[in-house]
Every structure is written in C-alpha cells, then in structure tokens.
Amino acid sequence: MSAAPATQVAAAREVLERLVIDVPDFPEPGVVFKDITPVLADHTGLTTVVEAVAAAGRDEQGRVVVDKVLGMEARGFILAAPAALALGTGFVPVRKAGKLPRPTHAVSYDLEYGAATLEIHVDAIAPGDRVLLVDDVLATGGTMRATRDLVERSGGVVVAVSVLLELGALGGRAGLGELPVSTVLTV
C-alpha cells in the first residue's frame, strides 16, 4: 500500500486544521464531535482530502491495488464514493441495520458512545475482492473491525483503512492489528 505523498498529506492536513469544527457535547455530554461539513462545502478542500484518502488504494508506483472501496454510513459514504471514482473501482455502502433492501450480512459492535449494527448486501463483495475501508474518523476502531468482519464474511480481503481524522487517545488503530491505516490528521 502506498501512503499519500508528503505534500498531498500536508495539503489535506492543512484543509482539516482550517475547516473542521469541534462541537462539544455532541451527540452526548463528554463527546467532542469533529464536524467535517465545512470541508465538504469547500470544493478545493474536498478534492484535496479525497485524493489523500484514495492514495491508500494505490501502491508505490501509483497503481490501483483494490477492487472495491467501502464507506460506512453516513460520512464515510461522502468520502468513499469519490475515492472509488478516483481509483476507478466500485463503491459499496455499509449501512445501519434495516436500511438495505436485499439479503445482507450483519454484525453488531460497540461504539465509543453506544452500540450499533452494520450491514452490507451479501453479493456486494466477491470472493477475493481486495477492499479499502474509508471513513471520516477512526476512534475506538469498532466500526472498522465490524466492517472488516463483513468483508471477510463475504470472502473479501481488507487491504487498508483510510480516514481523515484519527482520535489517537482512543486507541482504535491498535485494535486493527497489522492492517495498514492511513490517516490525514491525528488529534
């Protein structure tokens, strides 16, 4: 897996430092929510961060090494779909329980402030598909571990994780084992 070139990461980091807004006590007391909507509203900023996120799906020579990009509901969709376009791959949405219309694989897991269930269509990942997981924030790692489980149940292989922000104090990276994790900014 390739990391984004240093200048690309630096530009994306600057965008995040300038545009992400901390919202205290959301969605509940004690949580500081990282609001990325100002990044999404800025065309240049969005383009910069999508390219940095997509870089995790390329090797050192710039060749695409993934077949699918998965994005977790809901902000992961916003980043993963254009990352898939940048890589020339398919995009697969990972949804909350009950949101997909056809048969699904499902997994329940703990969040930093609750519990959730995620699902993907049983035919979304073909056996052997190489997959990049994309989300806005890596916190405790529960969402990434659950999504990895969904990919593996489908016969796919997660080759890397790419996120905008990593909440370093919550230790989510440690729970992902040897899986390469690309982060634009650790806070």
C-alpha atoms as a PDB file:
ATOM      1  CA  MET A   1       0.000   0.000   0.000  1.00  0.00           C
ATOM      2  CA  SER A   2       1.102   3.482  -0.698  1.00  0.00           C
ATOM      3  CA  ALA A   3       0.832   6.391   1.626  1.00  0.00           C
ATOM      4  CA  ALA A   4      -0.178   9.664   0.039  1.00  0.00           C
ATOM      5  CA  PRO A   5       2.838  11.744  -0.998  1.00  0.00           C
ATOM      6  CA  ALA A   6       4.010  14.015   1.808  1.00  0.00           C
ATOM      7  CA  THR A   7       2.940  17.191   0.002  1.00  0.00           C
ATOM      8  CA  GLN A   8      -0.533  15.738  -0.599  1.00  0.00           C
ATOM      9  CA  VAL A   9      -0.902  14.780   3.067  1.00  0.00           C
ATOM     10  CA  ALA A  10       0.364  18.189   4.184  1.00  0.00           C
ATOM     11  CA  ALA A  11      -2.180  19.948   1.968  1.00  0.00           C
ATOM     12  CA  ALA A  12      -5.009  17.720   3.217  1.00  0.00           C
ATOM     13  CA  ARG A  13      -3.906  18.198   6.837  1.00  0.00           C
ATOM     14  CA  GLU A  14      -3.978  21.976   6.357  1.00  0.00           C
ATOM     15  CA  VAL A  15      -7.528  21.730   4.996  1.00  0.00           C
ATOM     16  CA  LEU A  16      -8.654  19.736   8.041  1.00  0.00           C
ATOM     17  CA  GLU A  17      -6.917  22.033  10.532  1.00  0.00           C
ATOM     18  CA  ARG A  18      -8.522  25.051   8.888  1.00  0.00           C
ATOM     19  CA  LEU A  19     -12.048  23.770   8.273  1.00  0.00           C
ATOM     20  CA  VAL A  20     -13.008  21.036  10.777  1.00  0.00           C
ATOM     21  CA  ILE A  21     -15.080  22.412  13.640  1.00  0.00           C
ATOM     22  CA  ASP A  22     -15.133  20.868  17.131  1.00  0.00           C
ATOM     23  CA  VAL A  23     -18.655  20.586  18.549  1.00  0.00           C
ATOM     24  CA  PRO A  24     -18.567  19.853  22.299  1.00  0.00           C
ATOM     25  CA  ASP A  25     -21.109  17.557  23.945  1.00  0.00           C
ATOM     26  CA  PHE A  26     -22.476  16.129  20.681  1.00  0.00           C
ATOM     27  CA  PRO A  27     -24.127  13.664  20.289  1.00  0.00           C
ATOM     28  CA  GLU A  28     -23.998  13.403  24.082  1.00  0.00           C
ATOM     29  CA  PRO A  29     -22.176  15.059  27.006  1.00  0.00           C
ATOM     30  CA  GLY A  30     -18.415  14.463  27.052  1.00  0.00           C
ATOM     31  CA  VAL A  31     -18.079  13.738  23.321  1.00  0.00           C
ATOM     32  CA  VAL A  32     -16.330  16.289  21.097  1.00  0.00           C
ATOM     33  CA  PHE A  33     -17.755  15.784  17.615  1.00  0.00           C
ATOM     34  CA  LYS A  34     -15.489  16.598  14.667  1.00  0.00           C
ATOM     35  CA  ASP A  35     -17.744  18.345  12.135  1.00  0.00           C
ATOM     36  CA  ILE A  36     -16.325  17.864   8.638  1.00  0.00           C
ATOM     37  CA  THR A  37     -19.207  19.553   6.808  1.00  0.00           C
ATOM     38  CA  PRO A  38     -17.165  22.756   6.188  1.00  0.00           C
ATOM     39  CA  VAL A  39     -14.574  20.574   4.394  1.00  0.00           C
ATOM     40  CA  LEU A  40     -17.326  19.058   2.253  1.00  0.00           C
ATOM     41  CA  ALA A  41     -18.653  22.510   1.341  1.00  0.00           C
ATOM     42  CA  ASP A  42     -15.247  23.664   0.057  1.00  0.00           C
ATOM     43  CA  HIS A  43     -14.570  22.249  -3.446  1.00  0.00           C
ATOM     44  CA  THR A  44     -10.798  22.584  -3.231  1.00  0.00           C
ATOM     45  CA  GLY A  45     -10.720  21.209   0.304  1.00  0.00           C
ATOM     46  CA  LEU A  46     -12.927  18.253  -0.573  1.00  0.00           C
ATOM     47  CA  THR A  47     -10.851  17.440  -3.654  1.00  0.00           C
ATOM     48  CA  THR A  48      -7.654  17.601  -1.605  1.00  0.00           C
ATOM     49  CA  VAL A  49      -8.859  15.290   1.160  1.00  0.00           C
ATOM     50  CA  VAL A  50     -10.460  12.780  -1.242  1.00  0.00           C
ATOM     51  CA  GLU A  51      -7.176  12.419  -3.134  1.00  0.00           C
ATOM     52  CA  ALA A  52      -5.314  11.875   0.151  1.00  0.00           C
ATOM     53  CA  VAL A  53      -7.847   9.257   1.285  1.00  0.00           C
ATOM     54  CA  ALA A  54      -7.779   7.458  -2.089  1.00  0.00           C
ATOM     55  CA  ALA A  55      -3.974   7.195  -2.034  1.00  0.00           C
ATOM     56  CA  ALA A  56      -4.265   4.241   0.370  1.00  0.00           C
ATOM     57  CA  GLY A  57      -5.716   2.243  -2.536  1.00  0.00           C
ATOM     58  CA  ARG A  58      -2.560   2.620  -4.646  1.00  0.00           C
ATOM     59  CA  ASP A  59       0.894   1.059  -4.480  1.00  0.00           C
ATOM     60  CA  GLU A  60       4.186   2.995  -4.503  1.00  0.00           C
ATOM     61  CA  GLN A  61       4.068   3.220  -8.308  1.00  0.00           C
ATOM     62  CA  GLY A  62       0.552   4.681  -8.205  1.00  0.00           C
ATOM     63  CA  ARG A  63      -1.188   1.528  -9.448  1.00  0.00           C
ATOM     64  CA  VAL A  64      -4.626   0.776  -8.018  1.00  0.00           C
ATOM     65  CA  VAL A  65      -4.463  -2.282  -5.734  1.00  0.00           C
ATOM     66  CA  VAL A  66      -8.096  -2.506  -4.615  1.00  0.00           C
ATOM     67  CA  ASP A  67     -11.264  -3.749  -6.292  1.00  0.00           C
ATOM     68  CA  LYS A  68     -13.804  -2.007  -4.056  1.00  0.00           C
ATOM     69  CA  VAL A  69     -13.975   0.931  -1.669  1.00  0.00           C
ATOM     70  CA  LEU A  70     -16.334   0.578   1.287  1.00  0.00           C
ATOM     71  CA  GLY A  71     -17.721   3.599   3.100  1.00  0.00           C
ATOM     72  CA  MET A  72     -19.524   3.455   6.406  1.00  0.00           C
ATOM     73  CA  GLU A  73     -22.788   5.300   6.981  1.00  0.00           C
ATOM     74  CA  ALA A  74     -23.021   8.182   6.833  1.00  0.00           C
ATOM     75  CA  ARG A  75     -19.958  10.413   6.453  1.00  0.00           C
ATOM     76  CA  GLY A  76     -17.886   7.512   5.155  1.00  0.00           C
ATOM     77  CA  PHE A  77     -20.210   7.444   2.107  1.00  0.00           C
ATOM     78  CA  ILE A  78     -19.302  11.022   1.314  1.00  0.00           C
ATOM     79  CA  LEU A  79     -15.580  10.247   1.210  1.00  0.00           C
ATOM     80  CA  ALA A  80     -15.585   6.677  -0.090  1.00  0.00           C
ATOM     81  CA  ALA A  81     -17.709   7.234  -3.192  1.00  0.00           C
ATOM     82  CA  PRO A  82     -15.413   9.899  -4.707  1.00  0.00           C
ATOM     83  CA  ALA A  83     -12.355   7.900  -3.563  1.00  0.00           C
ATOM     84  CA  ALA A  84     -13.743   4.928  -5.540  1.00  0.00           C
ATOM     85  CA  LEU A  85     -14.172   7.192  -8.571  1.00  0.00           C
ATOM     86  CA  ALA A  86     -10.585   8.455  -8.186  1.00  0.00           C
ATOM     87  CA  LEU A  87      -9.369   4.840  -8.073  1.00  0.00           C
ATOM     88  CA  GLY A  88     -11.626   3.585 -10.869  1.00  0.00           C
ATOM     89  CA  THR A  89     -13.256   0.984  -8.590  1.00  0.00           C
ATOM     90  CA  GLY A  90     -16.699   0.193  -7.281  1.00  0.00           C
ATOM     91  CA  PHE A  91     -18.164   1.713  -4.122  1.00  0.00           C
ATOM     92  CA  VAL A  92     -20.033  -0.356  -1.522  1.00  0.00           C
ATOM     93  CA  PRO A  93     -22.144   1.335   1.162  1.00  0.00           C
ATOM     94  CA  VAL A  94     -22.034  -0.140   4.658  1.00  0.00           C
ATOM     95  CA  ARG A  95     -25.408   0.697   6.192  1.00  0.00           C
ATOM     96  CA  LYS A  96     -27.053   0.716   9.579  1.00  0.00           C
ATOM     97  CA  ALA A  97     -29.403  -2.204  10.240  1.00  0.00           C
ATOM     98  CA  GLY A  98     -32.584  -2.346   8.183  1.00  0.00           C
ATOM     99  CA  LYS A  99     -31.556   0.162   5.506  1.00  0.00           C
ATOM    100  CA  LEU A 100     -30.637  -2.247   2.692  1.00  0.00           C
ATOM    101  CA  PRO A 101     -33.417  -3.828   0.599  1.00  0.00           C
ATOM    102  CA  ARG A 102     -31.911  -7.244  -0.197  1.00  0.00           C
ATOM    103  CA  PRO A 103     -30.304 -10.036   1.877  1.00  0.00           C
ATOM    104  CA  THR A 104     -27.406  -8.826   3.991  1.00  0.00           C
ATOM    105  CA  HIS A 105     -24.544  -9.857   6.204  1.00  0.00           C
ATOM    106  CA  ALA A 106     -24.839  -8.088   9.578  1.00  0.00           C
ATOM    107  CA  VAL A 107     -22.534  -7.513  12.534  1.00  0.00           C
ATOM    108  CA  SER A 108     -23.179  -5.733  15.855  1.00  0.00           C
ATOM    109  CA  TYR A 109     -20.448  -3.900  17.740  1.00  0.00           C
ATOM    110  CA  ASP A 110     -19.751  -1.295  20.422  1.00  0.00           C
ATOM    111  CA  LEU A 111     -19.155   2.382  19.686  1.00  0.00           C
ATOM    112  CA  GLU A 112     -17.355   4.881  21.887  1.00  0.00           C
ATOM    113  CA  TYR A 113     -20.813   6.104  22.962  1.00  0.00           C
ATOM    114  CA  GLY A 114     -23.213   3.186  22.403  1.00  0.00           C
ATOM    115  CA  ALA A 115     -23.770   0.154  20.182  1.00  0.00           C
ATOM    116  CA  ALA A 116     -24.707  -0.376  16.533  1.00  0.00           C
ATOM    117  CA  THR A 117     -25.292  -2.947  13.809  1.00  0.00           C
ATOM    118  CA  LEU A 118     -23.877  -2.634  10.303  1.00  0.00           C
ATOM    119  CA  GLU A 119     -24.895  -4.471   7.150  1.00  0.00           C
ATOM    120  CA  ILE A 120     -23.794  -4.993   3.556  1.00  0.00           C
ATOM    121  CA  HIS A 121     -25.573  -6.855   0.768  1.00  0.00           C
ATOM    122  CA  VAL A 122     -24.429 -10.476   0.639  1.00  0.00           C
ATOM    123  CA  ASP A 123     -23.377 -10.016  -3.000  1.00  0.00           C
ATOM    124  CA  ALA A 124     -21.579  -6.660  -2.575  1.00  0.00           C
ATOM    125  CA  ILE A 125     -18.129  -8.222  -2.224  1.00  0.00           C
ATOM    126  CA  ALA A 126     -16.995 -11.073  -4.449  1.00  0.00           C
ATOM    127  CA  PRO A 127     -14.693 -13.745  -3.029  1.00  0.00           C
ATOM    128  CA  GLY A 128     -11.121 -12.479  -3.323  1.00  0.00           C
ATOM    129  CA  ASP A 129     -12.055  -8.802  -3.747  1.00  0.00           C
ATOM    130  CA  ARG A 130      -9.383  -6.503  -2.321  1.00  0.00           C
ATOM    131  CA  VAL A 131     -11.070  -3.783  -0.300  1.00  0.00           C
ATOM    132  CA  LEU A 132     -10.198  -0.320   1.035  1.00  0.00           C
ATOM    133  CA  LEU A 133     -12.229   0.827   4.061  1.00  0.00           C
ATOM    134  CA  VAL A 134     -12.902   4.575   4.223  1.00  0.00           C
ATOM    135  CA  ASP A 135     -14.441   6.653   6.997  1.00  0.00           C
ATOM    136  CA  ASP A 136     -14.159  10.158   8.365  1.00  0.00           C
ATOM    137  CA  VAL A 137     -12.938   9.278  11.886  1.00  0.00           C
ATOM    138  CA  LEU A 138     -11.105   6.378  13.491  1.00  0.00           C
ATOM    139  CA  ALA A 139     -11.996   6.421  17.193  1.00  0.00           C
ATOM    140  CA  THR A 140     -12.136   3.132  19.123  1.00  0.00           C
ATOM    141  CA  GLY A 141     -11.916   1.085  15.917  1.00  0.00           C
ATOM    142  CA  GLY A 142     -15.232  -0.700  16.482  1.00  0.00           C
ATOM    143  CA  THR A 143     -16.760   0.403  13.190  1.00  0.00           C
ATOM    144  CA  MET A 144     -13.645  -0.614  11.248  1.00  0.00           C
ATOM    145  CA  ARG A 145     -13.439  -4.007  12.955  1.00  0.00           C
ATOM    146  CA  ALA A 146     -17.139  -4.648  12.276  1.00  0.00           C
ATOM    147  CA  THR A 147     -16.775  -3.635   8.638  1.00  0.00           C
ATOM    148  CA  ARG A 148     -13.692  -5.809   8.247  1.00  0.00           C
ATOM    149  CA  ASP A 149     -15.747  -8.708   9.607  1.00  0.00           C
ATOM    150  CA  LEU A 150     -18.453  -8.027   6.996  1.00  0.00           C
ATOM    151  CA  VAL A 151     -15.875  -8.041   4.196  1.00  0.00           C
ATOM    152  CA  GLU A 152     -14.338 -11.296   5.431  1.00  0.00           C
ATOM    153  CA  ARG A 153     -17.775 -12.954   5.741  1.00  0.00           C
ATOM    154  CA  SER A 154     -18.223 -12.129   2.056  1.00  0.00           C
ATOM    155  CA  GLY A 155     -14.875 -13.688   1.118  1.00  0.00           C
ATOM    156  CA  GLY A 156     -13.110 -10.378   0.512  1.00  0.00           C
ATOM    157  CA  VAL A 157      -9.822  -9.141   1.926  1.00  0.00           C
ATOM    158  CA  VAL A 158      -9.385  -5.742   3.568  1.00  0.00           C
ATOM    159  CA  VAL A 159      -6.042  -4.399   2.400  1.00  0.00           C
ATOM    160  CA  ALA A 160      -6.078  -0.975   4.074  1.00  0.00           C
ATOM    161  CA  VAL A 161      -8.025   1.607   6.046  1.00  0.00           C
ATOM    162  CA  SER A 162      -8.065   5.296   5.173  1.00  0.00           C
ATOM    163  CA  VAL A 163      -9.544   8.020   7.383  1.00  0.00           C
ATOM    164  CA  LEU A 164      -9.480  11.785   7.612  1.00  0.00           C
ATOM    165  CA  LEU A 165      -9.118  12.008  11.381  1.00  0.00           C
ATOM    166  CA  GLU A 166      -7.787   9.617  13.988  1.00  0.00           C
ATOM    167  CA  LEU A 167      -8.642  10.206  17.631  1.00  0.00           C
ATOM    168  CA  GLY A 168      -5.309   8.914  18.903  1.00  0.00           C
ATOM    169  CA  ALA A 169      -6.226   8.802  22.591  1.00  0.00           C
ATOM    170  CA  LEU A 170      -8.977   6.237  21.914  1.00  0.00           C
ATOM    171  CA  GLY A 171      -6.545   3.630  20.538  1.00  0.00           C
ATOM    172  CA  GLY A 172      -8.582   2.450  17.558  1.00  0.00           C
ATOM    173  CA  ARG A 173      -5.517   1.686  15.460  1.00  0.00           C
ATOM    174  CA  ALA A 174      -4.282  -0.881  17.975  1.00  0.00           C
ATOM    175  CA  GLY A 175      -7.439  -2.951  17.545  1.00  0.00           C
ATOM    176  CA  LEU A 176      -6.864  -3.318  13.793  1.00  0.00           C
ATOM    177  CA  GLY A 177      -3.730  -5.434  14.103  1.00  0.00           C
ATOM    178  CA  GLU A 178      -1.353  -5.322  11.143  1.00  0.00           C
ATOM    179  CA  LEU A 179      -3.877  -3.692   8.826  1.00  0.00           C
ATOM    180  CA  PRO A 180      -2.310  -0.585   7.228  1.00  0.00           C
ATOM    181  CA  VAL A 181      -4.061   2.583   8.416  1.00  0.00           C
ATOM    182  CA  SER A 182      -3.671   5.877   6.552  1.00  0.00           C
ATOM    183  CA  THR A 183      -4.704   8.965   8.486  1.00  0.00           C
ATOM    184  CA  VAL A 184      -4.600  12.536   7.256  1.00  0.00           C
ATOM    185  CA  LEU A 185      -4.607  14.051  10.754  1.00  0.00           C
ATOM    186  CA  THR A 186      -4.304  12.550  14.234  1.00  0.00           C
ATOM    187  CA  VAL A 187      -5.897  14.569  17.012  1.00  0.00           C
END
